[in-house]
Amino acid sequence: MPSAPERTAQCGTSEVETRLRTKIVTLKTTITNKNADITRLRDDVNGFLAENTRLTLENQELRDVLSGTAANVTPLRSGPVR
């Protein structure tokens, strides 16, 4: 009886091997897509963090203006009209 490699050489690629190779290609594509999603989500998180920081600083600036306390930083735009 011929060995597995000899049978493959005589008969071509087996059905199981073909299915496994197809599954490998599908899984590699899935991994590539998931990695792209992760990269995009990390970029989104960094953008949200930057915007959150900006809004937090702006909120503190507005609180300082409304409370009448002197801020450590002078706003570049004028405050609300009283």
PDB file of N, CA and C in Angstrom:
ATOM      1  N   MET A   1       0.867  -1.181   0.000  1.00  0.00           N
ATOM      2  CA  MET A   1       0.000   0.000   0.000  1.00  0.00           C
ATOM      3  C   MET A   1       0.903   1.230   0.000  1.00  0.00           C
ATOM      4  N   PRO A   2       0.616   2.221  -0.895  1.00  0.00           N
ATOM      5  CA  PRO A   2       1.467   3.422  -0.965  1.00  0.00           C
ATOM      6  C   PRO A   2       1.242   4.318   0.253  1.00  0.00           C
ATOM      7  N   SER A   3       2.305   5.056   0.626  1.00  0.00           N
ATOM      8  CA  SER A   3       2.198   5.989   1.752  1.00  0.00           C
ATOM      9  C   SER A   3       1.353   7.193   1.350  1.00  0.00           C
ATOM     10  N   ALA A   4       1.014   8.049   2.354  1.00  0.00           N
ATOM     11  CA  ALA A   4       0.164   9.217   2.098  1.00  0.00           C
ATOM     12  C   ALA A   4       0.758  10.139   1.042  1.00  0.00           C
ATOM     13  N   PRO A   5       2.065  10.495   1.128  1.00  0.00           N
ATOM     14  CA  PRO A   5       2.621  11.356   0.079  1.00  0.00           C
ATOM     15  C   PRO A   5       2.594  10.702  -1.290  1.00  0.00           C
ATOM     16  N   GLU A   6       2.797   9.368  -1.323  1.00  0.00           N
ATOM     17  CA  GLU A   6       2.750   8.679  -2.615  1.00  0.00           C
ATOM     18  C   GLU A   6       1.338   8.696  -3.184  1.00  0.00           C
ATOM     19  N   ARG A   7       0.326   8.496  -2.300  1.00  0.00           N
ATOM     20  CA  ARG A   7      -1.071   8.548  -2.765  1.00  0.00           C
ATOM     21  C   ARG A   7      -1.400   9.931  -3.294  1.00  0.00           C
ATOM     22  N   THR A   8      -0.944  10.990  -2.585  1.00  0.00           N
ATOM     23  CA  THR A   8      -1.212  12.350  -3.026  1.00  0.00           C
ATOM     24  C   THR A   8      -0.545  12.601  -4.369  1.00  0.00           C
ATOM     25  N   ALA A   9       0.655  12.092  -4.533  1.00  0.00           N
ATOM     26  CA  ALA A   9       1.365  12.275  -5.800  1.00  0.00           C
ATOM     27  C   ALA A   9       0.646  11.547  -6.924  1.00  0.00           C
ATOM     28  N   GLN A  10       0.092  10.371  -6.626  1.00  0.00           N
ATOM     29  CA  GLN A  10      -0.602   9.597  -7.647  1.00  0.00           C
ATOM     30  C   GLN A  10      -1.987  10.164  -7.959  1.00  0.00           C
ATOM     31  N   CYS A  11      -2.709  10.605  -6.917  1.00  0.00           N
ATOM     32  CA  CYS A  11      -4.104  10.995  -7.077  1.00  0.00           C
ATOM     33  C   CYS A  11      -4.312  12.498  -7.088  1.00  0.00           C
ATOM     34  N   GLY A  12      -3.283  13.271  -6.849  1.00  0.00           N
ATOM     35  CA  GLY A  12      -3.461  14.710  -6.721  1.00  0.00           C
ATOM     36  C   GLY A  12      -3.778  15.066  -5.283  1.00  0.00           C
ATOM     37  N   THR A  13      -4.198  16.298  -5.049  1.00  0.00           N
ATOM     38  CA  THR A  13      -4.500  16.776  -3.708  1.00  0.00           C
ATOM     39  C   THR A  13      -5.796  16.144  -3.211  1.00  0.00           C
ATOM     40  N   SER A  14      -5.762  15.651  -1.966  1.00  0.00           N
ATOM     41  CA  SER A  14      -6.960  15.022  -1.413  1.00  0.00           C
ATOM     42  C   SER A  14      -8.026  16.079  -1.119  1.00  0.00           C
ATOM     43  N   GLU A  15      -9.250  15.603  -0.981  1.00  0.00           N
ATOM     44  CA  GLU A  15     -10.374  16.498  -0.692  1.00  0.00           C
ATOM     45  C   GLU A  15     -10.208  17.169   0.669  1.00  0.00           C
ATOM     46  N   VAL A  16      -9.728  16.420   1.653  1.00  0.00           N
ATOM     47  CA  VAL A  16      -9.520  16.965   2.996  1.00  0.00           C
ATOM     48  C   VAL A  16      -8.473  18.079   2.953  1.00  0.00           C
ATOM     49  N   GLU A  17      -7.368  17.823   2.247  1.00  0.00           N
ATOM     50  CA  GLU A  17      -6.315  18.837   2.143  1.00  0.00           C
ATOM     51  C   GLU A  17      -6.833  20.092   1.438  1.00  0.00           C
ATOM     52  N   THR A  18      -7.629  19.913   0.407  1.00  0.00           N
ATOM     53  CA  THR A  18      -8.205  21.053  -0.311  1.00  0.00           C
ATOM     54  C   THR A  18      -9.100  21.866   0.612  1.00  0.00           C
ATOM     55  N   ARG A  19      -9.945  21.188   1.394  1.00  0.00           N
ATOM     56  CA  ARG A  19     -10.818  21.898   2.336  1.00  0.00           C
ATOM     57  C   ARG A  19     -10.006  22.632   3.399  1.00  0.00           C
ATOM     58  N   LEU A  20      -8.964  21.975   3.894  1.00  0.00           N
ATOM     59  CA  LEU A  20      -8.121  22.607   4.908  1.00  0.00           C
ATOM     60  C   LEU A  20      -7.393  23.838   4.352  1.00  0.00           C
ATOM     61  N   ARG A  21      -6.886  23.733   3.143  1.00  0.00           N
ATOM     62  CA  ARG A  21      -6.210  24.884   2.524  1.00  0.00           C
ATOM     63  C   ARG A  21      -7.186  26.047   2.304  1.00  0.00           C
ATOM     64  N   THR A  22      -8.402  25.723   1.904  1.00  0.00           N
ATOM     65  CA  THR A  22      -9.427  26.755   1.729  1.00  0.00           C
ATOM     66  C   THR A  22      -9.759  27.406   3.063  1.00  0.00           C
ATOM     67  N   LYS A  23      -9.877  26.593   4.094  1.00  0.00           N
ATOM     68  CA  LYS A  23     -10.167  27.116   5.442  1.00  0.00           C
ATOM     69  C   LYS A  23      -9.027  28.007   5.934  1.00  0.00           C
ATOM     70  N   ILE A  24      -7.790  27.628   5.660  1.00  0.00           N
ATOM     71  CA  ILE A  24      -6.632  28.437   6.050  1.00  0.00           C
ATOM     72  C   ILE A  24      -6.678  29.797   5.373  1.00  0.00           C
ATOM     73  N   VAL A  25      -6.992  29.818   4.098  1.00  0.00           N
ATOM     74  CA  VAL A  25      -7.092  31.091   3.366  1.00  0.00           C
ATOM     75  C   VAL A  25      -8.192  31.956   3.970  1.00  0.00           C
ATOM     76  N   THR A  26      -9.338  31.341   4.273  1.00  0.00           N
ATOM     77  CA  THR A  26     -10.449  32.076   4.883  1.00  0.00           C
ATOM     78  C   THR A  26     -10.046  32.652   6.243  1.00  0.00           C
ATOM     79  N   LEU A  27      -9.373  31.850   7.053  1.00  0.00           N
ATOM     80  CA  LEU A  27      -8.952  32.312   8.380  1.00  0.00           C
ATOM     81  C   LEU A  27      -7.906  33.420   8.292  1.00  0.00           C
ATOM     82  N   LYS A  28      -6.985  33.319   7.347  1.00  0.00           N
ATOM     83  CA  LYS A  28      -5.984  34.383   7.166  1.00  0.00           C
ATOM     84  C   LYS A  28      -6.653  35.690   6.751  1.00  0.00           C
ATOM     85  N   THR A  29      -7.661  35.599   5.897  1.00  0.00           N
ATOM     86  CA  THR A  29      -8.411  36.797   5.497  1.00  0.00           C
ATOM     87  C   THR A  29      -9.136  37.386   6.694  1.00  0.00           C
ATOM     88  N   THR A  30      -9.744  36.524   7.508  1.00  0.00           N
ATOM     89  CA  THR A  30     -10.432  36.990   8.712  1.00  0.00           C
ATOM     90  C   THR A  30      -9.463  37.695   9.656  1.00  0.00           C
ATOM     91  N   ILE A  31      -8.299  37.112   9.856  1.00  0.00           N
ATOM     92  CA  ILE A  31      -7.292  37.721  10.734  1.00  0.00           C
ATOM     93  C   ILE A  31      -6.869  39.085  10.202  1.00  0.00           C
ATOM     94  N   THR A  32      -6.636  39.185   8.906  1.00  0.00           N
ATOM     95  CA  THR A  32      -6.248  40.463   8.296  1.00  0.00           C
ATOM     96  C   THR A  32      -7.331  41.508   8.514  1.00  0.00           C
ATOM     97  N   ASN A  33      -8.583  41.133   8.312  1.00  0.00           N
ATOM     98  CA  ASN A  33      -9.695  42.070   8.514  1.00  0.00           C
ATOM     99  C   ASN A  33      -9.820  42.481   9.973  1.00  0.00           C
ATOM    100  N   LYS A  34      -9.670  41.533  10.884  1.00  0.00           N
ATOM    101  CA  LYS A  34      -9.763  41.853  12.317  1.00  0.00           C
ATOM    102  C   LYS A  34      -8.622  42.769  12.744  1.00  0.00           C
ATOM    103  N   ASN A  35      -7.422  42.538  12.227  1.00  0.00           N
ATOM    104  CA  ASN A  35      -6.294  43.411  12.552  1.00  0.00           C
ATOM    105  C   ASN A  35      -6.537  44.837  12.042  1.00  0.00           C
ATOM    106  N   ALA A  36      -7.136  44.961  10.864  1.00  0.00           N
ATOM    107  CA  ALA A  36      -7.474  46.291  10.334  1.00  0.00           C
ATOM    108  C   ALA A  36      -8.524  46.959  11.228  1.00  0.00           C
ATOM    109  N   ASP A  37      -9.511  46.189  11.686  1.00  0.00           N
ATOM    110  CA  ASP A  37     -10.535  46.722  12.595  1.00  0.00           C
ATOM    111  C   ASP A  37      -9.903  47.196  13.905  1.00  0.00           C
ATOM    112  N   ILE A  38      -8.994  46.407  14.448  1.00  0.00           N
ATOM    113  CA  ILE A  38      -8.329  46.772  15.702  1.00  0.00           C
ATOM    114  C   ILE A  38      -7.536  48.065  15.531  1.00  0.00           C
ATOM    115  N   THR A  39      -6.818  48.182  14.431  1.00  0.00           N
ATOM    116  CA  THR A  39      -6.049  49.406  14.167  1.00  0.00           C
ATOM    117  C   THR A  39      -6.974  50.612  14.075  1.00  0.00           C
ATOM    118  N   ARG A  40      -8.089  50.465  13.356  1.00  0.00           N
ATOM    119  CA  ARG A  40      -9.046  51.569  13.214  1.00  0.00           C
ATOM    120  C   ARG A  40      -9.634  51.946  14.572  1.00  0.00           C
ATOM    121  N   LEU A  41      -9.988  50.952  15.368  1.00  0.00           N
ATOM    122  CA  LEU A  41     -10.569  51.223  16.684  1.00  0.00           C
ATOM    123  C   LEU A  41      -9.569  51.895  17.625  1.00  0.00           C
ATOM    124  N   ARG A  42      -8.303  51.492  17.552  1.00  0.00           N
ATOM    125  CA  ARG A  42      -7.275  52.154  18.365  1.00  0.00           C
ATOM    126  C   ARG A  42      -7.129  53.618  17.961  1.00  0.00           C
ATOM    127  N   ASP A  43      -7.167  53.869  16.642  1.00  0.00           N
ATOM    128  CA  ASP A  43      -7.103  55.259  16.174  1.00  0.00           C
ATOM    129  C   ASP A  43      -8.313  56.048  16.667  1.00  0.00           C
ATOM    130  N   ASP A  44      -9.492  55.427  16.629  1.00  0.00           N
ATOM    131  CA  ASP A  44     -10.704  56.084  17.129  1.00  0.00           C
ATOM    132  C   ASP A  44     -10.571  56.411  18.616  1.00  0.00           C
ATOM    133  N   VAL A  45     -10.063  55.465  19.395  1.00  0.00           N
ATOM    134  CA  VAL A  45      -9.896  55.680  20.831  1.00  0.00           C
ATOM    135  C   VAL A  45      -8.957  56.857  21.071  1.00  0.00           C
ATOM    136  N   ASN A  46      -7.849  56.901  20.352  1.00  0.00           N
ATOM    137  CA  ASN A  46      -6.906  58.015  20.517  1.00  0.00           C
ATOM    138  C   ASN A  46      -7.556  59.351  20.161  1.00  0.00           C
ATOM    139  N   GLY A  47      -8.364  59.368  19.124  1.00  0.00           N
ATOM    140  CA  GLY A  47      -9.083  60.584  18.754  1.00  0.00           C
ATOM    141  C   GLY A  47     -10.084  61.000  19.823  1.00  0.00           C
ATOM    142  N   PHE A  48     -10.799  60.015  20.362  1.00  0.00           N
ATOM    143  CA  PHE A  48     -11.766  60.315  21.420  1.00  0.00           C
ATOM    144  C   PHE A  48     -11.073  60.822  22.676  1.00  0.00           C
ATOM    145  N   LEU A  49      -9.928  60.248  23.005  1.00  0.00           N
ATOM    146  CA  LEU A  49      -9.178  60.706  24.177  1.00  0.00           C
ATOM    147  C   LEU A  49      -8.701  62.147  23.994  1.00  0.00           C
ATOM    148  N   ALA A  50      -8.226  62.466  22.802  1.00  0.00           N
ATOM    149  CA  ALA A  50      -7.766  63.827  22.529  1.00  0.00           C
ATOM    150  C   ALA A  50      -8.939  64.815  22.621  1.00  0.00           C
ATOM    151  N   GLU A  51     -10.076  64.433  22.065  1.00  0.00           N
ATOM    152  CA  GLU A  51     -11.256  65.305  22.124  1.00  0.00           C
ATOM    153  C   GLU A  51     -11.752  65.451  23.552  1.00  0.00           C
ATOM    154  N   ASN A  52     -11.721  64.368  24.317  1.00  0.00           N
ATOM    155  CA  ASN A  52     -12.131  64.428  25.714  1.00  0.00           C
ATOM    156  C   ASN A  52     -11.223  65.379  26.497  1.00  0.00           C
ATOM    157  N   THR A  53      -9.940  65.306  26.256  1.00  0.00           N
ATOM    158  CA  THR A  53      -8.994  66.199  26.930  1.00  0.00           C
ATOM    159  C   THR A  53      -9.279  67.651  26.564  1.00  0.00           C
ATOM    160  N   ARG A  54      -9.512  67.901  25.275  1.00  0.00           N
ATOM    161  CA  ARG A  54      -9.807  69.262  24.824  1.00  0.00           C
ATOM    162  C   ARG A  54     -11.064  69.799  25.492  1.00  0.00           C
ATOM    163  N   LEU A  55     -12.113  68.971  25.526  1.00  0.00           N
ATOM    164  CA  LEU A  55     -13.370  69.407  26.128  1.00  0.00           C
ATOM    165  C   LEU A  55     -13.242  69.598  27.638  1.00  0.00           C
ATOM    166  N   THR A  56     -12.457  68.759  28.290  1.00  0.00           N
ATOM    167  CA  THR A  56     -12.234  68.902  29.733  1.00  0.00           C
ATOM    168  C   THR A  56     -11.539  70.227  30.038  1.00  0.00           C
ATOM    169  N   LEU A  57     -10.517  70.551  29.256  1.00  0.00           N
ATOM    170  CA  LEU A  57      -9.801  71.816  29.449  1.00  0.00           C
ATOM    171  C   LEU A  57     -10.712  73.014  29.160  1.00  0.00           C
ATOM    172  N   GLU A  58     -11.505  72.903  28.095  1.00  0.00           N
ATOM    173  CA  GLU A  58     -12.437  73.988  27.769  1.00  0.00           C
ATOM    174  C   GLU A  58     -13.479  74.150  28.876  1.00  0.00           C
ATOM    175  N   ASN A  59     -13.976  73.050  29.399  1.00  0.00           N
ATOM    176  CA  ASN A  59     -14.955  73.093  30.474  1.00  0.00           C
ATOM    177  C   ASN A  59     -14.361  73.764  31.713  1.00  0.00           C
ATOM    178  N   GLN A  60     -13.136  73.410  32.060  1.00  0.00           N
ATOM    179  CA  GLN A  60     -12.486  74.024  33.216  1.00  0.00           C
ATOM    180  C   GLN A  60     -12.286  75.518  32.996  1.00  0.00           C
ATOM    181  N   GLU A  61     -11.906  75.881  31.793  1.00  0.00           N
ATOM    182  CA  GLU A  61     -11.729  77.300  31.457  1.00  0.00           C
ATOM    183  C   GLU A  61     -13.038  78.058  31.633  1.00  0.00           C
ATOM    184  N   LEU A  62     -14.129  77.484  31.165  1.00  0.00           N
ATOM    185  CA  LEU A  62     -15.433  78.133  31.296  1.00  0.00           C
ATOM    186  C   LEU A  62     -15.865  78.221  32.759  1.00  0.00           C
ATOM    187  N   ARG A  63     -15.598  77.197  33.535  1.00  0.00           N
ATOM    188  CA  ARG A  63     -15.911  77.236  34.964  1.00  0.00           C
ATOM    189  C   ARG A  63     -15.127  78.348  35.665  1.00  0.00           C
ATOM    190  N   ASP A  64     -13.847  78.483  35.291  1.00  0.00           N
ATOM    191  CA  ASP A  64     -13.015  79.529  35.882  1.00  0.00           C
ATOM    192  C   ASP A  64     -13.555  80.919  35.532  1.00  0.00           C
ATOM    193  N   VAL A  65     -13.963  81.101  34.288  1.00  0.00           N
ATOM    194  CA  VAL A  65     -14.500  82.398  33.859  1.00  0.00           C
ATOM    195  C   VAL A  65     -15.796  82.696  34.614  1.00  0.00           C
ATOM    196  N   LEU A  66     -16.665  81.704  34.724  1.00  0.00           N
ATOM    197  CA  LEU A  66     -17.950  81.913  35.395  1.00  0.00           C
ATOM    198  C   LEU A  66     -17.794  82.124  36.906  1.00  0.00           C
ATOM    199  N   SER A  67     -16.802  81.497  37.507  1.00  0.00           N
ATOM    200  CA  SER A  67     -16.624  81.632  38.949  1.00  0.00           C
ATOM    201  C   SER A  67     -15.893  82.921  39.312  1.00  0.00           C
ATOM    202  N   GLY A  68     -15.271  83.566  38.354  1.00  0.00           N
ATOM    203  CA  GLY A  68     -14.565  84.814  38.599  1.00  0.00           C
ATOM    204  C   GLY A  68     -13.185  84.620  39.182  1.00  0.00           C
ATOM    205  N   THR A  69     -12.726  83.371  39.306  1.00  0.00           N
ATOM    206  CA  THR A  69     -11.372  83.147  39.811  1.00  0.00           C
ATOM    207  C   THR A  69     -10.373  83.321  38.687  1.00  0.00           C
ATOM    208  N   ALA A  70      -9.191  83.716  39.039  1.00  0.00           N
ATOM    209  CA  ALA A  70      -8.149  83.895  38.039  1.00  0.00           C
ATOM    210  C   ALA A  70      -7.637  82.532  37.603  1.00  0.00           C
ATOM    211  N   ALA A  71      -7.577  82.335  36.313  1.00  0.00           N
ATOM    212  CA  ALA A  71      -7.085  81.073  35.774  1.00  0.00           C
ATOM    213  C   ALA A  71      -5.579  81.179  35.548  1.00  0.00           C
ATOM    214  N   ASN A  72      -4.925  80.066  35.554  1.00  0.00           N
ATOM    215  CA  ASN A  72      -3.500  80.037  35.260  1.00  0.00           C
ATOM    216  C   ASN A  72      -3.216  80.328  33.796  1.00  0.00           C
ATOM    217  N   VAL A  73      -4.211  80.097  32.974  1.00  0.00           N
ATOM    218  CA  VAL A  73      -4.059  80.296  31.533  1.00  0.00           C
ATOM    219  C   VAL A  73      -5.055  81.350  31.094  1.00  0.00           C
ATOM    220  N   THR A  74      -4.575  82.300  30.303  1.00  0.00           N
ATOM    221  CA  THR A  74      -5.456  83.338  29.775  1.00  0.00           C
ATOM    222  C   THR A  74      -6.093  82.827  28.494  1.00  0.00           C
ATOM    223  N   PRO A  75      -7.429  82.827  28.388  1.00  0.00           N
ATOM    224  CA  PRO A  75      -8.077  82.344  27.168  1.00  0.00           C
ATOM    225  C   PRO A  75      -7.746  83.254  25.987  1.00  0.00           C
ATOM    226  N   LEU A  76      -7.613  82.642  24.812  1.00  0.00           N
ATOM    227  CA  LEU A  76      -7.328  83.410  23.619  1.00  0.00           C
ATOM    228  C   LEU A  76      -8.593  84.028  23.039  1.00  0.00           C
ATOM    229  N   ARG A  77      -9.720  83.475  23.351  1.00  0.00           N
ATOM    230  CA  ARG A  77     -10.980  84.062  22.883  1.00  0.00           C
ATOM    231  C   ARG A  77     -11.661  84.726  24.077  1.00  0.00           C
ATOM    232  N   SER A  78     -12.523  85.645  23.788  1.00  0.00           N
ATOM    233  CA  SER A  78     -13.196  86.349  24.872  1.00  0.00           C
ATOM    234  C   SER A  78     -14.190  85.436  25.567  1.00  0.00           C
ATOM    235  N   GLY A  79     -14.434  85.676  26.832  1.00  0.00           N
ATOM    236  CA  GLY A  79     -15.372  84.883  27.614  1.00  0.00           C
ATOM    237  C   GLY A  79     -16.799  85.321  27.336  1.00  0.00           C
ATOM    238  N   PRO A  80     -17.752  84.719  28.010  1.00  0.00           N
ATOM    239  CA  PRO A  80     -19.157  85.083  27.805  1.00  0.00           C
ATOM    240  C   PRO A  80     -19.426  86.503  28.287  1.00  0.00           C
ATOM    241  N   VAL A  81     -20.353  87.167  27.627  1.00  0.00           N
ATOM    242  CA  VAL A  81     -20.727  88.545  27.982  1.00  0.00           C
ATOM    243  C   VAL A  81     -21.636  88.489  29.192  1.00  0.00           C
ATOM    244  N   ARG A  82     -21.334  89.312  30.226  1.00  0.00           N
ATOM    245  CA  ARG A  82     -22.163  89.316  31.437  1.00  0.00           C
ATOM    246  C   ARG A  82     -23.063  90.515  31.451  1.00  0.00           C
TER     247      ARG A  82
END
